[in-house]
PDB file of N, CA and C in Angstrom:
ATOM      1  N   MET A   1     -22.651  10.241  -3.162  1.00  0.00           N
ATOM      2  CA  MET A   1     -23.489   8.609  -3.103  1.00  0.00           C
ATOM      3  C   MET A   1     -22.311   7.465  -2.413  1.00  0.00           C
ATOM      4  N   LEU A   2     -23.092   6.783  -1.831  1.00  0.00           N
ATOM      5  CA  LEU A   2     -22.552   5.880  -1.470  1.00  0.00           C
ATOM      6  C   LEU A   2     -22.288   4.922  -2.060  1.00  0.00           C
ATOM      7  N   CYS A   3     -21.428   3.744  -1.932  1.00  0.00           N
ATOM      8  CA  CYS A   3     -20.948   2.691  -2.938  1.00  0.00           C
ATOM      9  C   CYS A   3     -21.790   1.918  -1.547  1.00  0.00           C
ATOM     10  N   SER A   4     -22.970   0.780  -1.584  1.00  0.00           N
ATOM     11  CA  SER A   4     -22.726  -0.015  -0.362  1.00  0.00           C
ATOM     12  C   SER A   4     -22.233  -1.010   0.140  1.00  0.00           C
ATOM     13  N   GLY A   5     -21.704  -1.394  -0.811  1.00  0.00           N
ATOM     14  CA  GLY A   5     -21.424  -3.149  -0.705  1.00  0.00           C
ATOM     15  C   GLY A   5     -19.800  -3.311   0.164  1.00  0.00           C
ATOM     16  N   GLU A   6     -18.547  -2.530  -0.564  1.00  0.00           N
ATOM     17  CA  GLU A   6     -18.160  -1.852  -0.333  1.00  0.00           C
ATOM     18  C   GLU A   6     -17.698  -0.672   0.089  1.00  0.00           C
ATOM     19  N   TYR A   7     -18.915   0.229   0.535  1.00  0.00           N
ATOM     20  CA  TYR A   7     -18.553   0.820   2.291  1.00  0.00           C
ATOM     21  C   TYR A   7     -18.442  -0.051   2.943  1.00  0.00           C
ATOM     22  N   ASN A   8     -19.385  -0.405   3.113  1.00  0.00           N
ATOM     23  CA  ASN A   8     -19.951  -1.705   3.998  1.00  0.00           C
ATOM     24  C   ASN A   8     -19.343  -2.506   4.628  1.00  0.00           C
ATOM     25  N   ASP A   9     -18.713  -3.660   2.927  1.00  0.00           N
ATOM     26  CA  ASP A   9     -17.718  -4.284   3.713  1.00  0.00           C
ATOM     27  C   ASP A   9     -16.129  -3.334   4.607  1.00  0.00           C
ATOM     28  N   TYR A  10     -16.201  -2.100   4.710  1.00  0.00           N
ATOM     29  CA  TYR A  10     -15.491  -1.489   5.103  1.00  0.00           C
ATOM     30  C   TYR A  10     -15.724  -1.757   6.974  1.00  0.00           C
ATOM     31  N   LEU A  11     -17.466  -0.925   6.404  1.00  0.00           N
ATOM     32  CA  LEU A  11     -18.175  -0.831   8.134  1.00  0.00           C
ATOM     33  C   LEU A  11     -17.464  -2.261   9.122  1.00  0.00           C
ATOM     34  N   LYS A  12     -17.294  -3.570   8.097  1.00  0.00           N
ATOM     35  CA  LYS A  12     -17.563  -4.490   8.918  1.00  0.00           C
ATOM     36  C   LYS A  12     -15.999  -5.269   9.304  1.00  0.00           C
ATOM     37  N   LEU A  13     -15.189  -4.572   8.423  1.00  0.00           N
ATOM     38  CA  LEU A  13     -13.867  -5.117   8.767  1.00  0.00           C
ATOM     39  C   LEU A  13     -13.284  -4.244   9.621  1.00  0.00           C
ATOM     40  N   ILE A  14     -13.894  -2.608   9.759  1.00  0.00           N
ATOM     41  CA  ILE A  14     -12.928  -2.242  11.517  1.00  0.00           C
ATOM     42  C   ILE A  14     -14.260  -2.689  12.568  1.00  0.00           C
ATOM     43  N   VAL A  15     -15.226  -3.168  12.287  1.00  0.00           N
ATOM     44  CA  VAL A  15     -15.505  -3.177  13.488  1.00  0.00           C
ATOM     45  C   VAL A  15     -15.052  -3.952  13.660  1.00  0.00           C
ATOM     46  N   LEU A  16     -14.596  -5.825  13.555  1.00  0.00           N
ATOM     47  CA  LEU A  16     -14.159  -6.761  12.676  1.00  0.00           C
ATOM     48  C   LEU A  16     -12.797  -6.706  13.677  1.00  0.00           C
ATOM     49  N   LEU A  17     -11.686  -5.742  13.151  1.00  0.00           N
ATOM     50  CA  LEU A  17     -10.458  -5.988  13.472  1.00  0.00           C
ATOM     51  C   LEU A  17     -10.608  -4.187  14.761  1.00  0.00           C
ATOM     52  N   TYR A  18     -11.824  -3.508  15.316  1.00  0.00           N
ATOM     53  CA  TYR A  18     -11.777  -2.652  16.570  1.00  0.00           C
ATOM     54  C   TYR A  18     -12.382  -4.155  17.623  1.00  0.00           C
ATOM     55  N   LYS A  19     -13.365  -4.856  17.567  1.00  0.00           N
ATOM     56  CA  LYS A  19     -13.471  -5.733  19.007  1.00  0.00           C
ATOM     57  C   LYS A  19     -12.012  -6.834  18.715  1.00  0.00           C
ATOM     58  N   LEU A  20     -11.428  -7.365  17.755  1.00  0.00           N
ATOM     59  CA  LEU A  20      -9.948  -8.266  17.668  1.00  0.00           C
ATOM     60  C   LEU A  20      -9.318  -7.105  18.770  1.00  0.00           C
ATOM     61  N   HIS A  21      -8.644  -6.380  19.710  1.00  0.00           N
ATOM     62  CA  HIS A  21      -8.455  -4.779  19.909  1.00  0.00           C
ATOM     63  C   HIS A  21      -6.825  -5.215  18.635  1.00  0.00           C
ATOM     64  N   GLU A  22      -7.910  -4.743  17.324  1.00  0.00           N
ATOM     65  CA  GLU A  22      -6.731  -4.339  16.365  1.00  0.00           C
ATOM     66  C   GLU A  22      -5.816  -2.999  16.037  1.00  0.00           C
ATOM     67  N   TYR A  23      -6.569  -2.422  17.542  1.00  0.00           N
ATOM     68  CA  TYR A  23      -6.971  -0.400  16.339  1.00  0.00           C
ATOM     69  C   TYR A  23      -6.556   0.424  16.114  1.00  0.00           C
ATOM     70  N   ASN A  24      -4.876   0.224  16.301  1.00  0.00           N
ATOM     71  CA  ASN A  24      -3.957   1.319  15.228  1.00  0.00           C
ATOM     72  C   ASN A  24      -4.500   0.216  13.395  1.00  0.00           C
ATOM     73  N   LEU A  25      -4.814  -1.463  13.868  1.00  0.00           N
ATOM     74  CA  LEU A  25      -4.985  -1.099  12.066  1.00  0.00           C
ATOM     75  C   LEU A  25      -6.698  -0.981  12.262  1.00  0.00           C
ATOM     76  N   SER A  26      -7.095  -1.320  12.753  1.00  0.00           N
ATOM     77  CA  SER A  26      -9.114  -0.676  12.101  1.00  0.00           C
ATOM     78  C   SER A  26      -8.703   0.942  11.735  1.00  0.00           C
ATOM     79  N   LYS A  27      -7.805   1.629  12.307  1.00  0.00           N
ATOM     80  CA  LYS A  27      -7.496   3.004  12.585  1.00  0.00           C
ATOM     81  C   LYS A  27      -7.192   3.106  11.252  1.00  0.00           C
ATOM     82  N   ASN A  28      -5.897   2.368  10.482  1.00  0.00           N
ATOM     83  CA  ASN A  28      -5.091   2.568   9.766  1.00  0.00           C
ATOM     84  C   ASN A  28      -6.556   2.407   8.306  1.00  0.00           C
ATOM     85  N   TYR A  29      -7.071   0.896   8.076  1.00  0.00           N
ATOM     86  CA  TYR A  29      -7.891   1.034   7.175  1.00  0.00           C
ATOM     87  C   TYR A  29      -9.982   1.981   7.195  1.00  0.00           C
ATOM     88  N   THR A  30      -9.911   2.388   8.292  1.00  0.00           N
ATOM     89  CA  THR A  30     -10.456   3.759   8.560  1.00  0.00           C
ATOM     90  C   THR A  30     -10.458   4.250   6.929  1.00  0.00           C
ATOM     91  N   LYS A  31      -9.534   5.106   8.100  1.00  0.00           N
ATOM     92  CA  LYS A  31      -8.400   6.183   7.094  1.00  0.00           C
ATOM     93  C   LYS A  31      -8.315   5.708   5.760  1.00  0.00           C
ATOM     94  N   GLU A  32      -8.582   4.774   5.155  1.00  0.00           N
ATOM     95  CA  GLU A  32      -8.027   4.532   4.024  1.00  0.00           C
ATOM     96  C   GLU A  32      -9.700   3.985   3.253  1.00  0.00           C
ATOM     97  N   ALA A  33     -10.521   3.978   3.710  1.00  0.00           N
ATOM     98  CA  ALA A  33     -11.249   3.776   3.539  1.00  0.00           C
ATOM     99  C   ALA A  33     -12.035   5.418   3.233  1.00  0.00           C
ATOM    100  N   LEU A  34     -11.169   6.514   4.728  1.00  0.00           N
ATOM    101  CA  LEU A  34     -12.173   7.854   5.307  1.00  0.00           C
ATOM    102  C   LEU A  34     -11.127   8.392   3.155  1.00  0.00           C
ATOM    103  N   HIS A  35     -10.722   8.004   2.536  1.00  0.00           N
ATOM    104  CA  HIS A  35     -10.197   8.409   0.772  1.00  0.00           C
ATOM    105  C   HIS A  35     -11.290   7.868  -0.151  1.00  0.00           C
ATOM    106  N   LYS A  36     -11.653   7.317  -0.205  1.00  0.00           N
ATOM    107  CA  LYS A  36     -12.829   6.307  -1.375  1.00  0.00           C
ATOM    108  C   LYS A  36     -13.807   7.006  -0.583  1.00  0.00           C
ATOM    109  N   TYR A  37     -14.163   7.338   0.653  1.00  0.00           N
ATOM    110  CA  TYR A  37     -16.039   7.934   0.899  1.00  0.00           C
ATOM    111  C   TYR A  37     -15.984   9.315   1.945  1.00  0.00           C
ATOM    112  N   PRO A  38     -14.720  10.311   1.465  1.00  0.00           N
ATOM    113  CA  PRO A  38     -14.857  11.116   2.722  1.00  0.00           C
ATOM    114  C   PRO A  38     -16.218  11.713   2.683  1.00  0.00           C
ATOM    115  N   ASN A  39     -18.017  11.679   2.405  1.00  0.00           N
ATOM    116  CA  ASN A  39     -18.792  11.779   2.604  1.00  0.00           C
ATOM    117  C   ASN A  39     -20.062  10.360   3.552  1.00  0.00           C
ATOM    118  N   GLY A  40     -17.930   9.832   4.528  1.00  0.00           N
ATOM    119  CA  GLY A  40     -19.382   8.641   4.804  1.00  0.00           C
ATOM    120  C   GLY A  40     -18.810   9.141   6.794  1.00  0.00           C
ATOM    121  N   ALA A  41     -20.816   9.426   6.979  1.00  0.00           N
ATOM    122  CA  ALA A  41     -20.527   9.747   8.422  1.00  0.00           C
ATOM    123  C   ALA A  41     -20.243   8.129   9.482  1.00  0.00           C
ATOM    124  N   GLY A  42     -20.618   6.765   9.249  1.00  0.00           N
ATOM    125  CA  GLY A  42     -20.342   5.911  10.025  1.00  0.00           C
ATOM    126  C   GLY A  42     -18.762   5.709   9.487  1.00  0.00           C
ATOM    127  N   LEU A  43     -18.368   6.221   9.567  1.00  0.00           N
ATOM    128  CA  LEU A  43     -16.499   6.431   8.560  1.00  0.00           C
ATOM    129  C   LEU A  43     -15.790   6.785   9.857  1.00  0.00           C
ATOM    130  N   TYR A  44     -16.531   8.195  10.018  1.00  0.00           N
ATOM    131  CA  TYR A  44     -16.043   9.572  10.960  1.00  0.00           C
ATOM    132  C   TYR A  44     -16.461   8.648  12.733  1.00  0.00           C
ATOM    133  N   PHE A  45     -17.392   8.509  12.668  1.00  0.00           N
ATOM    134  CA  PHE A  45     -18.014   7.286  14.204  1.00  0.00           C
ATOM    135  C   PHE A  45     -17.125   6.879  14.385  1.00  0.00           C
ATOM    136  N   LEU A  46     -16.611   5.395  13.722  1.00  0.00           N
ATOM    137  CA  LEU A  46     -15.672   4.443  13.764  1.00  0.00           C
ATOM    138  C   LEU A  46     -14.050   5.049  14.171  1.00  0.00           C
ATOM    139  N   LEU A  47     -14.073   5.977  13.675  1.00  0.00           N
ATOM    140  CA  LEU A  47     -12.877   6.822  13.615  1.00  0.00           C
ATOM    141  C   LEU A  47     -12.343   7.433  14.664  1.00  0.00           C
ATOM    142  N   GLY A  48     -13.433   8.115  15.071  1.00  0.00           N
ATOM    143  CA  GLY A  48     -13.992   9.183  16.359  1.00  0.00           C
ATOM    144  C   GLY A  48     -13.647   7.602  17.469  1.00  0.00           C
ATOM    145  N   VAL A  49     -13.809   6.949  17.783  1.00  0.00           N
ATOM    146  CA  VAL A  49     -14.405   5.979  18.754  1.00  0.00           C
ATOM    147  C   VAL A  49     -13.462   5.032  18.594  1.00  0.00           C
ATOM    148  N   ILE A  50     -12.523   4.390  17.849  1.00  0.00           N
ATOM    149  CA  ILE A  50     -10.733   4.097  17.602  1.00  0.00           C
ATOM    150  C   ILE A  50     -10.469   5.355  18.399  1.00  0.00           C
ATOM    151  N   GLU A  51     -10.035   6.790  17.632  1.00  0.00           N
ATOM    152  CA  GLU A  51      -9.258   7.245  19.010  1.00  0.00           C
ATOM    153  C   GLU A  51      -9.341   7.089  19.190  1.00  0.00           C
ATOM    154  N   TYR A  52     -10.352   7.498  20.416  1.00  0.00           N
ATOM    155  CA  TYR A  52     -10.588   7.756  22.184  1.00  0.00           C
ATOM    156  C   TYR A  52     -10.166   6.658  22.301  1.00  0.00           C
ATOM    157  N   LYS A  53     -10.798   5.257  22.166  1.00  0.00           N
ATOM    158  CA  LYS A  53     -10.044   4.251  22.501  1.00  0.00           C
ATOM    159  C   LYS A  53      -8.553   3.951  23.412  1.00  0.00           C
ATOM    160  N   ILE A  54      -7.930   4.658  22.009  1.00  0.00           N
ATOM    161  CA  ILE A  54      -6.300   4.615  21.640  1.00  0.00           C
ATOM    162  C   ILE A  54      -5.851   6.043  22.322  1.00  0.00           C
ATOM    163  N   GLY A  55      -6.645   7.033  23.029  1.00  0.00           N
ATOM    164  CA  GLY A  55      -5.459   8.058  23.839  1.00  0.00           C
ATOM    165  C   GLY A  55      -5.875   9.385  23.089  1.00  0.00           C
ATOM    166  N   ASP A  56      -6.650   9.103  22.321  1.00  0.00           N
ATOM    167  CA  ASP A  56      -6.542  10.814  21.270  1.00  0.00           C
ATOM    168  C   ASP A  56      -8.108  11.097  21.187  1.00  0.00           C
ATOM    169  N   LYS A  57      -8.379  11.548  22.513  1.00  0.00           N
ATOM    170  CA  LYS A  57      -9.197  12.408  23.070  1.00  0.00           C
ATOM    171  C   LYS A  57      -9.756  13.498  21.626  1.00  0.00           C
ATOM    172  N   GLN A  58      -8.593  14.480  21.490  1.00  0.00           N
ATOM    173  CA  GLN A  58      -9.313  15.559  20.649  1.00  0.00           C
ATOM    174  C   GLN A  58      -9.465  15.158  19.387  1.00  0.00           C
ATOM    175  N   ASP A  59      -9.040  14.307  18.640  1.00  0.00           N
ATOM    176  CA  ASP A  59      -8.994  14.147  17.146  1.00  0.00           C
ATOM    177  C   ASP A  59     -10.519  12.992  17.164  1.00  0.00           C
ATOM    178  N   ALA A  60     -10.767  12.404  18.896  1.00  0.00           N
ATOM    179  CA  ALA A  60     -11.505  11.581  18.213  1.00  0.00           C
ATOM    180  C   ALA A  60     -12.815  12.571  18.484  1.00  0.00           C
ATOM    181  N   LEU A  61     -12.960  13.676  19.128  1.00  0.00           N
ATOM    182  CA  LEU A  61     -13.497  13.987  18.887  1.00  0.00           C
ATOM    183  C   LEU A  61     -14.462  15.349  18.207  1.00  0.00           C
ATOM    184  N   LYS A  62     -12.961  15.171  17.241  1.00  0.00           N
ATOM    185  CA  LYS A  62     -13.192  15.659  16.172  1.00  0.00           C
ATOM    186  C   LYS A  62     -13.522  15.694  14.983  1.00  0.00           C
ATOM    187  N   HIS A  63     -13.257  13.932  14.424  1.00  0.00           N
ATOM    188  CA  HIS A  63     -14.063  13.495  13.892  1.00  0.00           C
ATOM    189  C   HIS A  63     -15.345  12.735  14.215  1.00  0.00           C
ATOM    190  N   LEU A  64     -16.443  12.624  15.159  1.00  0.00           N
ATOM    191  CA  LEU A  64     -17.145  13.034  15.930  1.00  0.00           C
ATOM    192  C   LEU A  64     -17.793  14.188  15.098  1.00  0.00           C
ATOM    193  N   ALA A  65     -17.323  14.822  15.870  1.00  0.00           N
ATOM    194  CA  ALA A  65     -18.492  16.781  15.355  1.00  0.00           C
ATOM    195  C   ALA A  65     -18.719  16.516  13.284  1.00  0.00           C
ATOM    196  N   ILE A  66     -17.104  15.866  13.008  1.00  0.00           N
ATOM    197  CA  ILE A  66     -17.926  15.992  11.219  1.00  0.00           C
ATOM    198  C   ILE A  66     -18.479  14.247  11.371  1.00  0.00           C
ATOM    199  N   GLY A  67     -18.481  13.479  12.009  1.00  0.00           N
ATOM    200  CA  GLY A  67     -19.188  12.753  11.222  1.00  0.00           C
ATOM    201  C   GLY A  67     -20.809  13.558  11.787  1.00  0.00           C
ATOM    202  N   TYR A  68     -20.942  13.926  12.254  1.00  0.00           N
ATOM    203  CA  TYR A  68     -22.184  14.508  13.260  1.00  0.00           C
ATOM    204  C   TYR A  68     -23.114  15.207  12.245  1.00  0.00           C
ATOM    205  N   GLN A  69     -22.056  16.455  11.684  1.00  0.00           N
ATOM    206  CA  GLN A  69     -21.900  17.372  10.725  1.00  0.00           C
ATOM    207  C   GLN A  69     -22.704  16.566   9.191  1.00  0.00           C
ATOM    208  N   LEU A  70     -21.890  15.516   9.011  1.00  0.00           N
ATOM    209  CA  LEU A  70     -22.763  14.667   7.676  1.00  0.00           C
ATOM    210  C   LEU A  70     -23.752  13.959   8.320  1.00  0.00           C
ATOM    211  N   SER A  71     -24.560  13.722   9.442  1.00  0.00           N
ATOM    212  CA  SER A  71     -25.480  12.850   8.975  1.00  0.00           C
ATOM    213  C   SER A  71     -27.055  13.379  10.196  1.00  0.00           C
ATOM    214  N   GLN A  72     -26.194  14.273  11.358  1.00  0.00           N
ATOM    215  CA  GLN A  72     -27.469  14.295  12.504  1.00  0.00           C
ATOM    216  C   GLN A  72     -27.316  13.484  13.042  1.00  0.00           C
ATOM    217  N   ASP A  73     -26.403  11.931  12.939  1.00  0.00           N
ATOM    218  CA  ASP A  73     -26.597  11.354  13.802  1.00  0.00           C
ATOM    219  C   ASP A  73     -27.134  10.773  15.505  1.00  0.00           C
ATOM    220  N   PRO A  74     -27.850  11.207  15.863  1.00  0.00           N
ATOM    221  CA  PRO A  74     -27.846  11.334  17.558  1.00  0.00           C
ATOM    222  C   PRO A  74     -27.171   9.602  18.545  1.00  0.00           C
ATOM    223  N   GLN A  75     -26.780   9.057  17.546  1.00  0.00           N
ATOM    224  CA  GLN A  75     -25.670   8.391  18.437  1.00  0.00           C
ATOM    225  C   GLN A  75     -23.721   8.878  17.740  1.00  0.00           C
ATOM    226  N   ILE A  76     -23.850   9.077  17.212  1.00  0.00           N
ATOM    227  CA  ILE A  76     -22.553   9.748  16.911  1.00  0.00           C
ATOM    228  C   ILE A  76     -22.942  11.391  18.438  1.00  0.00           C
ATOM    229  N   ALA A  77     -24.012  12.441  18.474  1.00  0.00           N
ATOM    230  CA  ALA A  77     -23.390  13.064  19.177  1.00  0.00           C
ATOM    231  C   ALA A  77     -23.926  12.608  20.704  1.00  0.00           C
ATOM    232  N   ASN A  78     -24.435  11.154  20.825  1.00  0.00           N
ATOM    233  CA  ASN A  78     -23.769  10.912  22.288  1.00  0.00           C
ATOM    234  C   ASN A  78     -22.768  10.522  22.294  1.00  0.00           C
ATOM    235  N   ALA A  79     -21.697   9.432  21.116  1.00  0.00           N
ATOM    236  CA  ALA A  79     -20.567   9.188  21.506  1.00  0.00           C
ATOM    237  C   ALA A  79     -19.804  10.477  22.023  1.00  0.00           C
ATOM    238  N   TYR A  80     -20.269  11.976  20.883  1.00  0.00           N
ATOM    239  CA  TYR A  80     -19.753  12.838  21.552  1.00  0.00           C
ATOM    240  C   TYR A  80     -19.687  13.461  22.941  1.00  0.00           C
ATOM    241  N   ALA A  81     -20.717  13.400  23.498  1.00  0.00           N
ATOM    242  CA  ALA A  81     -21.083  13.809  24.783  1.00  0.00           C
ATOM    243  C   ALA A  81     -20.259  12.701  25.339  1.00  0.00           C
ATOM    244  N   MET A  82     -19.792  11.559  25.438  1.00  0.00           N
ATOM    245  CA  MET A  82     -20.225  10.810  26.495  1.00  0.00           C
ATOM    246  C   MET A  82     -18.253  11.327  26.021  1.00  0.00           C
ATOM    247  N   ILE A  83     -17.249  11.366  25.293  1.00  0.00           N
ATOM    248  CA  ILE A  83     -16.089  10.874  25.392  1.00  0.00           C
ATOM    249  C   ILE A  83     -15.578  13.115  26.107  1.00  0.00           C
ATOM    250  N   LYS A  84     -16.528  14.030  25.631  1.00  0.00           N
ATOM    251  CA  LYS A  84     -16.277  14.991  26.804  1.00  0.00           C
ATOM    252  C   LYS A  84     -16.322  15.004  27.344  1.00  0.00           C
ATOM    253  N   ARG A  85     -17.621  13.622  28.439  1.00  0.00           N
ATOM    254  CA  ARG A  85     -17.269  13.885  29.910  1.00  0.00           C
ATOM    255  C   ARG A  85     -16.557  12.771  30.019  1.00  0.00           C
ATOM    256  N   ASN A  86     -14.947  12.265  29.472  1.00  0.00           N
ATOM    257  CA  ASN A  86     -14.437  11.403  29.389  1.00  0.00           C
ATOM    258  C   ASN A  86     -15.440   9.741  30.206  1.00  0.00           C
ATOM    259  N   LYS A  87     -16.508   9.408  29.879  1.00  0.00           N
ATOM    260  CA  LYS A  87     -17.087   8.406  29.839  1.00  0.00           C
ATOM    261  C   LYS A  87     -16.578   7.280  29.198  1.00  0.00           C
ATOM    262  N   ARG A  88     -16.692   6.912  29.344  1.00  0.00           N
ATOM    263  CA  ARG A  88     -15.948   4.742  28.767  1.00  0.00           C
ATOM    264  C   ARG A  88     -17.030   4.149  27.682  1.00  0.00           C
ATOM    265  N   ILE A  89     -16.659   4.654  26.579  1.00  0.00           N
ATOM    266  CA  ILE A  89     -16.935   4.382  24.619  1.00  0.00           C
ATOM    267  C   ILE A  89     -16.560   3.798  24.783  1.00  0.00           C
ATOM    268  N   ASP A  90     -17.488   2.274  24.064  1.00  0.00           N
ATOM    269  CA  ASP A  90     -17.455   1.253  23.179  1.00  0.00           C
ATOM    270  C   ASP A  90     -18.478   1.778  21.512  1.00  0.00           C
ATOM    271  N   LEU A  91     -18.577   0.836  20.808  1.00  0.00           N
ATOM    272  CA  LEU A  91     -18.755   0.681  19.617  1.00  0.00           C
ATOM    273  C   LEU A  91     -19.994  -1.070  19.970  1.00  0.00           C
ATOM    274  N   PRO A  92     -20.761  -0.707  19.674  1.00  0.00           N
ATOM    275  CA  PRO A  92     -22.134  -0.656  19.395  1.00  0.00           C
ATOM    276  C   PRO A  92     -22.200  -2.577  18.604  1.00  0.00           C
ATOM    277  N   ILE A  93     -21.673  -2.116  18.802  1.00  0.00           N
ATOM    278  CA  ILE A  93     -21.828  -3.349  17.314  1.00  0.00           C
ATOM    279  C   ILE A  93     -21.666  -4.772  18.639  1.00  0.00           C
TER     280      ILE A  93
END
């Protein structure tokens, strides 16, 4: 089970860094959070979007697939489909 307070703090920090165009830093924090919360589908979603933004489509798709397997979240499935078609994607937040 996820510790909602700390987990949500990570999500907020990662999104903030992403919105500030600090993509490498947001990627590093996402990976750090995944060490603590390896079943965090939202973290895999964020990592996929970040990786796509910095040009790593293959890893983006891999991490989105993991996130979808964990949660069956349609938002993750949509992001995966958009990336497969080389469409622009951004965080909905």
